[in-house]
Amino acid sequence: MSSGSVRSDSDARLFRAAHDVPWQFAVRAAGIVTGLTLLLAVDVKGVVFYVAWGLIGLALVSEGVSTLVYWRRSRG
């Protein structure tokens, strides 16, 4: 086996791993991006302010909870 084939196999695995994004991560990322876009693009007053921060907060809290669940499952 040549080193070229090993390298291409390794590169292919990295490419697949980088493109296999879990849907939960995609939803959290969309919430944060939407919230930040609202904060930057809209005149941040009233309900929009709370919706934007709510999206960001919900995404961050759900990430924290999922991290705790992962840690507990990996130890048990």
PDB file of N, CA and C in Angstrom:
ATOM      1  N   MET A   1       0.850  -1.171   0.000  1.00  0.00           N
ATOM      2  CA  MET A   1       0.000   0.000   0.000  1.00  0.00           C
ATOM      3  C   MET A   1       0.895   1.233   0.000  1.00  0.00           C
ATOM      4  N   SER A   2       0.620   2.132  -0.881  1.00  0.00           N
ATOM      5  CA  SER A   2       1.442   3.337  -0.958  1.00  0.00           C
ATOM      6  C   SER A   2       0.908   4.398  -0.014  1.00  0.00           C
ATOM      7  N   SER A   3       1.771   5.332   0.328  1.00  0.00           N
ATOM      8  CA  SER A   3       1.355   6.386   1.251  1.00  0.00           C
ATOM      9  C   SER A   3       0.298   7.291   0.631  1.00  0.00           C
ATOM     10  N   GLY A   4       0.274   7.356  -0.699  1.00  0.00           N
ATOM     11  CA  GLY A   4      -0.738   8.173  -1.370  1.00  0.00           C
ATOM     12  C   GLY A   4      -2.139   7.656  -1.144  1.00  0.00           C
ATOM     13  N   SER A   5      -2.309   6.330  -1.157  1.00  0.00           N
ATOM     14  CA  SER A   5      -3.644   5.775  -0.937  1.00  0.00           C
ATOM     15  C   SER A   5      -4.079   5.925   0.514  1.00  0.00           C
ATOM     16  N   VAL A   6      -3.131   5.835   1.450  1.00  0.00           N
ATOM     17  CA  VAL A   6      -3.459   6.034   2.855  1.00  0.00           C
ATOM     18  C   VAL A   6      -3.907   7.463   3.088  1.00  0.00           C
ATOM     19  N   ARG A   7      -3.198   8.371   2.486  1.00  0.00           N
ATOM     20  CA  ARG A   7      -3.553   9.773   2.642  1.00  0.00           C
ATOM     21  C   ARG A   7      -4.934  10.055   2.056  1.00  0.00           C
ATOM     22  N   SER A   8      -5.239   9.524   0.903  1.00  0.00           N
ATOM     23  CA  SER A   8      -6.549   9.790   0.300  1.00  0.00           C
ATOM     24  C   SER A   8      -7.671   9.149   1.117  1.00  0.00           C
ATOM     25  N   ASP A   9      -7.423   7.960   1.707  1.00  0.00           N
ATOM     26  CA  ASP A   9      -8.433   7.348   2.572  1.00  0.00           C
ATOM     27  C   ASP A   9      -8.683   8.219   3.799  1.00  0.00           C
ATOM     28  N   SER A  10      -7.609   8.720   4.377  1.00  0.00           N
ATOM     29  CA  SER A  10      -7.726   9.593   5.545  1.00  0.00           C
ATOM     30  C   SER A  10      -8.457  10.879   5.180  1.00  0.00           C
ATOM     31  N   ASP A  11      -8.121  11.449   4.048  1.00  0.00           N
ATOM     32  CA  ASP A  11      -8.789  12.672   3.598  1.00  0.00           C
ATOM     33  C   ASP A  11     -10.268  12.435   3.351  1.00  0.00           C
ATOM     34  N   ALA A  12     -10.595  11.284   2.797  1.00  0.00           N
ATOM     35  CA  ALA A  12     -12.001  10.967   2.528  1.00  0.00           C
ATOM     36  C   ALA A  12     -12.778  10.835   3.826  1.00  0.00           C
ATOM     37  N   ARG A  13     -12.173  10.201   4.852  1.00  0.00           N
ATOM     38  CA  ARG A  13     -12.852  10.086   6.152  1.00  0.00           C
ATOM     39  C   ARG A  13     -13.073  11.453   6.782  1.00  0.00           C
ATOM     40  N   LEU A  14     -12.063  12.320   6.705  1.00  0.00           N
ATOM     41  CA  LEU A  14     -12.205  13.666   7.268  1.00  0.00           C
ATOM     42  C   LEU A  14     -13.284  14.449   6.536  1.00  0.00           C
ATOM     43  N   PHE A  15     -13.346  14.300   5.224  1.00  0.00           N
ATOM     44  CA  PHE A  15     -14.353  15.000   4.430  1.00  0.00           C
ATOM     45  C   PHE A  15     -15.751  14.536   4.824  1.00  0.00           C
ATOM     46  N   ARG A  16     -15.924  13.206   4.969  1.00  0.00           N
ATOM     47  CA  ARG A  16     -17.233  12.681   5.375  1.00  0.00           C
ATOM     48  C   ARG A  16     -17.604  13.141   6.775  1.00  0.00           C
ATOM     49  N   ALA A  17     -16.659  13.123   7.694  1.00  0.00           N
ATOM     50  CA  ALA A  17     -16.934  13.530   9.075  1.00  0.00           C
ATOM     51  C   ALA A  17     -17.307  15.006   9.147  1.00  0.00           C
ATOM     52  N   ALA A  18     -16.663  15.820   8.341  1.00  0.00           N
ATOM     53  CA  ALA A  18     -16.944  17.252   8.357  1.00  0.00           C
ATOM     54  C   ALA A  18     -18.318  17.566   7.775  1.00  0.00           C
ATOM     55  N   HIS A  19     -18.844  16.703   6.921  1.00  0.00           N
ATOM     56  CA  HIS A  19     -20.132  16.975   6.281  1.00  0.00           C
ATOM     57  C   HIS A  19     -21.287  16.205   6.895  1.00  0.00           C
ATOM     58  N   ASP A  20     -21.038  15.418   7.916  1.00  0.00           N
ATOM     59  CA  ASP A  20     -22.101  14.705   8.615  1.00  0.00           C
ATOM     60  C   ASP A  20     -22.498  15.490   9.861  1.00  0.00           C
ATOM     61  N   VAL A  21     -23.170  16.598   9.644  1.00  0.00           N
ATOM     62  CA  VAL A  21     -23.568  17.466  10.750  1.00  0.00           C
ATOM     63  C   VAL A  21     -24.896  16.978  11.315  1.00  0.00           C
ATOM     64  N   PRO A  22     -24.972  16.735  12.621  1.00  0.00           N
ATOM     65  CA  PRO A  22     -26.239  16.319  13.219  1.00  0.00           C
ATOM     66  C   PRO A  22     -27.304  17.414  13.068  1.00  0.00           C
ATOM     67  N   TRP A  23     -28.545  16.996  12.918  1.00  0.00           N
ATOM     68  CA  TRP A  23     -29.614  17.982  12.701  1.00  0.00           C
ATOM     69  C   TRP A  23     -29.782  18.895  13.909  1.00  0.00           C
ATOM     70  N   GLN A  24     -29.504  18.379  15.118  1.00  0.00           N
ATOM     71  CA  GLN A  24     -29.642  19.210  16.313  1.00  0.00           C
ATOM     72  C   GLN A  24     -28.665  20.380  16.272  1.00  0.00           C
ATOM     73  N   PHE A  25     -27.453  20.107  15.833  1.00  0.00           N
ATOM     74  CA  PHE A  25     -26.451  21.165  15.715  1.00  0.00           C
ATOM     75  C   PHE A  25     -26.890  22.202  14.690  1.00  0.00           C
ATOM     76  N   ALA A  26     -27.431  21.738  13.569  1.00  0.00           N
ATOM     77  CA  ALA A  26     -27.879  22.652  12.517  1.00  0.00           C
ATOM     78  C   ALA A  26     -29.011  23.556  13.018  1.00  0.00           C
ATOM     79  N   VAL A  27     -29.934  22.994  13.821  1.00  0.00           N
ATOM     80  CA  VAL A  27     -31.040  23.794  14.359  1.00  0.00           C
ATOM     81  C   VAL A  27     -30.504  24.846  15.331  1.00  0.00           C
ATOM     82  N   ARG A  28     -29.561  24.456  16.212  1.00  0.00           N
ATOM     83  CA  ARG A  28     -28.987  25.424  17.156  1.00  0.00           C
ATOM     84  C   ARG A  28     -28.233  26.522  16.420  1.00  0.00           C
ATOM     85  N   ALA A  29     -27.460  26.136  15.424  1.00  0.00           N
ATOM     86  CA  ALA A  29     -26.701  27.124  14.655  1.00  0.00           C
ATOM     87  C   ALA A  29     -27.645  28.092  13.946  1.00  0.00           C
ATOM     88  N   ALA A  30     -28.728  27.576  13.388  1.00  0.00           N
ATOM     89  CA  ALA A  30     -29.702  28.445  12.717  1.00  0.00           C
ATOM     90  C   ALA A  30     -30.345  29.409  13.708  1.00  0.00           C
ATOM     91  N   GLY A  31     -30.631  28.939  14.923  1.00  0.00           N
ATOM     92  CA  GLY A  31     -31.209  29.821  15.943  1.00  0.00           C
ATOM     93  C   GLY A  31     -30.266  30.941  16.331  1.00  0.00           C
ATOM     94  N   ILE A  32     -29.005  30.616  16.509  1.00  0.00           N
ATOM     95  CA  ILE A  32     -28.027  31.645  16.882  1.00  0.00           C
ATOM     96  C   ILE A  32     -27.817  32.634  15.745  1.00  0.00           C
ATOM     97  N   VAL A  33     -27.686  32.121  14.528  1.00  0.00           N
ATOM     98  CA  VAL A  33     -27.480  33.013  13.377  1.00  0.00           C
ATOM     99  C   VAL A  33     -28.699  33.908  13.164  1.00  0.00           C
ATOM    100  N   THR A  34     -29.893  33.340  13.302  1.00  0.00           N
ATOM    101  CA  THR A  34     -31.104  34.150  13.144  1.00  0.00           C
ATOM    102  C   THR A  34     -31.191  35.220  14.226  1.00  0.00           C
ATOM    103  N   GLY A  35     -30.907  34.841  15.459  1.00  0.00           N
ATOM    104  CA  GLY A  35     -30.932  35.816  16.547  1.00  0.00           C
ATOM    105  C   GLY A  35     -29.927  36.936  16.347  1.00  0.00           C
ATOM    106  N   LEU A  36     -28.705  36.579  15.974  1.00  0.00           N
ATOM    107  CA  LEU A  36     -27.687  37.613  15.742  1.00  0.00           C
ATOM    108  C   LEU A  36     -28.039  38.500  14.559  1.00  0.00           C
ATOM    109  N   THR A  37     -28.622  37.905  13.517  1.00  0.00           N
ATOM    110  CA  THR A  37     -29.044  38.704  12.355  1.00  0.00           C
ATOM    111  C   THR A  37     -30.135  39.686  12.752  1.00  0.00           C
ATOM    112  N   LEU A  38     -31.082  39.228  13.559  1.00  0.00           N
ATOM    113  CA  LEU A  38     -32.135  40.130  14.029  1.00  0.00           C
ATOM    114  C   LEU A  38     -31.543  41.275  14.847  1.00  0.00           C
ATOM    115  N   LEU A  39     -30.579  40.947  15.711  1.00  0.00           N
ATOM    116  CA  LEU A  39     -29.967  41.997  16.528  1.00  0.00           C
ATOM    117  C   LEU A  39     -29.198  42.998  15.683  1.00  0.00           C
ATOM    118  N   LEU A  40     -28.570  42.525  14.616  1.00  0.00           N
ATOM    119  CA  LEU A  40     -27.760  43.416  13.781  1.00  0.00           C
ATOM    120  C   LEU A  40     -28.568  44.170  12.732  1.00  0.00           C
ATOM    121  N   ALA A  41     -29.554  43.503  12.128  1.00  0.00           N
ATOM    122  CA  ALA A  41     -30.231  44.081  10.972  1.00  0.00           C
ATOM    123  C   ALA A  41     -31.479  44.877  11.325  1.00  0.00           C
ATOM    124  N   VAL A  42     -32.112  44.536  12.433  1.00  0.00           N
ATOM    125  CA  VAL A  42     -33.385  45.171  12.788  1.00  0.00           C
ATOM    126  C   VAL A  42     -33.123  46.208  13.875  1.00  0.00           C
ATOM    127  N   ASP A  43     -33.891  47.264  13.847  1.00  0.00           N
ATOM    128  CA  ASP A  43     -33.825  48.241  14.931  1.00  0.00           C
ATOM    129  C   ASP A  43     -34.320  47.529  16.185  1.00  0.00           C
ATOM    130  N   VAL A  44     -33.399  47.219  17.074  1.00  0.00           N
ATOM    131  CA  VAL A  44     -33.665  46.307  18.180  1.00  0.00           C
ATOM    132  C   VAL A  44     -34.484  47.002  19.265  1.00  0.00           C
ATOM    133  N   LYS A  45     -35.795  46.884  19.121  1.00  0.00           N
ATOM    134  CA  LYS A  45     -36.713  47.437  20.106  1.00  0.00           C
ATOM    135  C   LYS A  45     -37.880  46.490  20.258  1.00  0.00           C
ATOM    136  N   GLY A  46     -38.421  46.458  21.447  1.00  0.00           N
ATOM    137  CA  GLY A  46     -39.653  45.718  21.688  1.00  0.00           C
ATOM    138  C   GLY A  46     -39.529  44.220  21.546  1.00  0.00           C
ATOM    139  N   VAL A  47     -40.512  43.633  20.880  1.00  0.00           N
ATOM    140  CA  VAL A  47     -40.652  42.191  20.778  1.00  0.00           C
ATOM    141  C   VAL A  47     -39.482  41.557  20.032  1.00  0.00           C
ATOM    142  N   VAL A  48     -39.008  42.208  18.990  1.00  0.00           N
ATOM    143  CA  VAL A  48     -37.907  41.640  18.196  1.00  0.00           C
ATOM    144  C   VAL A  48     -36.667  41.431  19.052  1.00  0.00           C
ATOM    145  N   PHE A  49     -36.401  42.345  19.964  1.00  0.00           N
ATOM    146  CA  PHE A  49     -35.261  42.223  20.863  1.00  0.00           C
ATOM    147  C   PHE A  49     -35.366  40.943  21.684  1.00  0.00           C
ATOM    148  N   TYR A  50     -36.541  40.689  22.251  1.00  0.00           N
ATOM    149  CA  TYR A  50     -36.738  39.516  23.080  1.00  0.00           C
ATOM    150  C   TYR A  50     -36.752  38.221  22.265  1.00  0.00           C
ATOM    151  N   VAL A  51     -37.289  38.278  21.056  1.00  0.00           N
ATOM    152  CA  VAL A  51     -37.263  37.099  20.179  1.00  0.00           C
ATOM    153  C   VAL A  51     -35.820  36.745  19.820  1.00  0.00           C
ATOM    154  N   ALA A  52     -35.033  37.749  19.464  1.00  0.00           N
ATOM    155  CA  ALA A  52     -33.643  37.504  19.088  1.00  0.00           C
ATOM    156  C   ALA A  52     -32.863  36.888  20.241  1.00  0.00           C
ATOM    157  N   TRP A  53     -32.947  37.502  21.415  1.00  0.00           N
ATOM    158  CA  TRP A  53     -32.223  36.960  22.571  1.00  0.00           C
ATOM    159  C   TRP A  53     -32.802  35.629  23.030  1.00  0.00           C
ATOM    160  N   GLY A  54     -34.103  35.437  22.834  1.00  0.00           N
ATOM    161  CA  GLY A  54     -34.713  34.152  23.159  1.00  0.00           C
ATOM    162  C   GLY A  54     -34.166  33.030  22.290  1.00  0.00           C
ATOM    163  N   LEU A  55     -34.017  33.291  20.993  1.00  0.00           N
ATOM    164  CA  LEU A  55     -33.445  32.285  20.095  1.00  0.00           C
ATOM    165  C   LEU A  55     -32.014  31.938  20.483  1.00  0.00           C
ATOM    166  N   ILE A  56     -31.227  32.963  20.764  1.00  0.00           N
ATOM    167  CA  ILE A  56     -29.827  32.745  21.147  1.00  0.00           C
ATOM    168  C   ILE A  56     -29.756  31.988  22.467  1.00  0.00           C
ATOM    169  N   GLY A  57     -30.533  32.424  23.447  1.00  0.00           N
ATOM    170  CA  GLY A  57     -30.535  31.765  24.750  1.00  0.00           C
ATOM    171  C   GLY A  57     -31.000  30.325  24.674  1.00  0.00           C
ATOM    172  N   LEU A  58     -32.061  30.064  23.919  1.00  0.00           N
ATOM    173  CA  LEU A  58     -32.576  28.706  23.769  1.00  0.00           C
ATOM    174  C   LEU A  58     -31.533  27.793  23.128  1.00  0.00           C
ATOM    175  N   ALA A  59     -30.852  28.293  22.117  1.00  0.00           N
ATOM    176  CA  ALA A  59     -29.816  27.491  21.464  1.00  0.00           C
ATOM    177  C   ALA A  59     -28.673  27.176  22.423  1.00  0.00           C
ATOM    178  N   LEU A  60     -28.250  28.161  23.197  1.00  0.00           N
ATOM    179  CA  LEU A  60     -27.149  27.936  24.131  1.00  0.00           C
ATOM    180  C   LEU A  60     -27.545  27.004  25.275  1.00  0.00           C
ATOM    181  N   VAL A  61     -28.742  27.162  25.803  1.00  0.00           N
ATOM    182  CA  VAL A  61     -29.205  26.287  26.882  1.00  0.00           C
ATOM    183  C   VAL A  61     -29.361  24.850  26.379  1.00  0.00           C
ATOM    184  N   SER A  62     -29.919  24.680  25.196  1.00  0.00           N
ATOM    185  CA  SER A  62     -30.082  23.323  24.666  1.00  0.00           C
ATOM    186  C   SER A  62     -28.729  22.681  24.384  1.00  0.00           C
ATOM    187  N   GLU A  63     -27.748  23.459  23.985  1.00  0.00           N
ATOM    188  CA  GLU A  63     -26.398  22.923  23.791  1.00  0.00           C
ATOM    189  C   GLU A  63     -25.807  22.477  25.122  1.00  0.00           C
ATOM    190  N   GLY A  64     -26.000  23.259  26.162  1.00  0.00           N
ATOM    191  CA  GLY A  64     -25.518  22.878  27.481  1.00  0.00           C
ATOM    192  C   GLY A  64     -26.163  21.604  27.988  1.00  0.00           C
ATOM    193  N   VAL A  65     -27.474  21.491  27.813  1.00  0.00           N
ATOM    194  CA  VAL A  65     -28.187  20.297  28.251  1.00  0.00           C
ATOM    195  C   VAL A  65     -27.712  19.074  27.470  1.00  0.00           C
ATOM    196  N   SER A  66     -27.558  19.223  26.163  1.00  0.00           N
ATOM    197  CA  SER A  66     -27.114  18.072  25.370  1.00  0.00           C
ATOM    198  C   SER A  66     -25.690  17.668  25.723  1.00  0.00           C
ATOM    199  N   THR A  67     -24.852  18.618  26.085  1.00  0.00           N
ATOM    200  CA  THR A  67     -23.491  18.293  26.520  1.00  0.00           C
ATOM    201  C   THR A  67     -23.522  17.519  27.831  1.00  0.00           C
ATOM    202  N   LEU A  68     -24.357  17.954  28.775  1.00  0.00           N
ATOM    203  CA  LEU A  68     -24.481  17.228  30.040  1.00  0.00           C
ATOM    204  C   LEU A  68     -25.007  15.806  29.833  1.00  0.00           C
ATOM    205  N   VAL A  69     -25.982  15.651  28.960  1.00  0.00           N
ATOM    206  CA  VAL A  69     -26.517  14.325  28.662  1.00  0.00           C
ATOM    207  C   VAL A  69     -25.432  13.447  28.044  1.00  0.00           C
ATOM    208  N   TYR A  70     -24.669  14.007  27.133  1.00  0.00           N
ATOM    209  CA  TYR A  70     -23.583  13.248  26.506  1.00  0.00           C
ATOM    210  C   TYR A  70     -22.558  12.815  27.549  1.00  0.00           C
ATOM    211  N   TRP A  71     -22.160  13.706  28.432  1.00  0.00           N
ATOM    212  CA  TRP A  71     -21.184  13.366  29.469  1.00  0.00           C
ATOM    213  C   TRP A  71     -21.691  12.244  30.374  1.00  0.00           C
ATOM    214  N   ARG A  72     -22.961  12.339  30.768  1.00  0.00           N
ATOM    215  CA  ARG A  72     -23.521  11.307  31.656  1.00  0.00           C
ATOM    216  C   ARG A  72     -23.593   9.954  30.952  1.00  0.00           C
ATOM    217  N   ARG A  73     -23.971   9.957  29.679  1.00  0.00           N
ATOM    218  CA  ARG A  73     -24.070   8.693  28.939  1.00  0.00           C
ATOM    219  C   ARG A  73     -22.690   8.092  28.684  1.00  0.00           C
ATOM    220  N   SER A  74     -21.700   8.930  28.446  1.00  0.00           N
ATOM    221  CA  SER A  74     -20.366   8.399  28.144  1.00  0.00           C
ATOM    222  C   SER A  74     -19.694   7.827  29.398  1.00  0.00           C
ATOM    223  N   ARG A  75     -20.069   8.314  30.579  1.00  0.00           N
ATOM    224  CA  ARG A  75     -19.486   7.801  31.823  1.00  0.00           C
ATOM    225  C   ARG A  75     -20.200   6.557  32.335  1.00  0.00           C
ATOM    226  N   GLY A  76     -21.446   6.379  31.951  1.00  0.00           N
ATOM    227  CA  GLY A  76     -22.242   5.299  32.511  1.00  0.00           C
ATOM    228  C   GLY A  76     -22.165   4.078  31.712  1.00  0.00           C
TER     229      GLY A  76
END
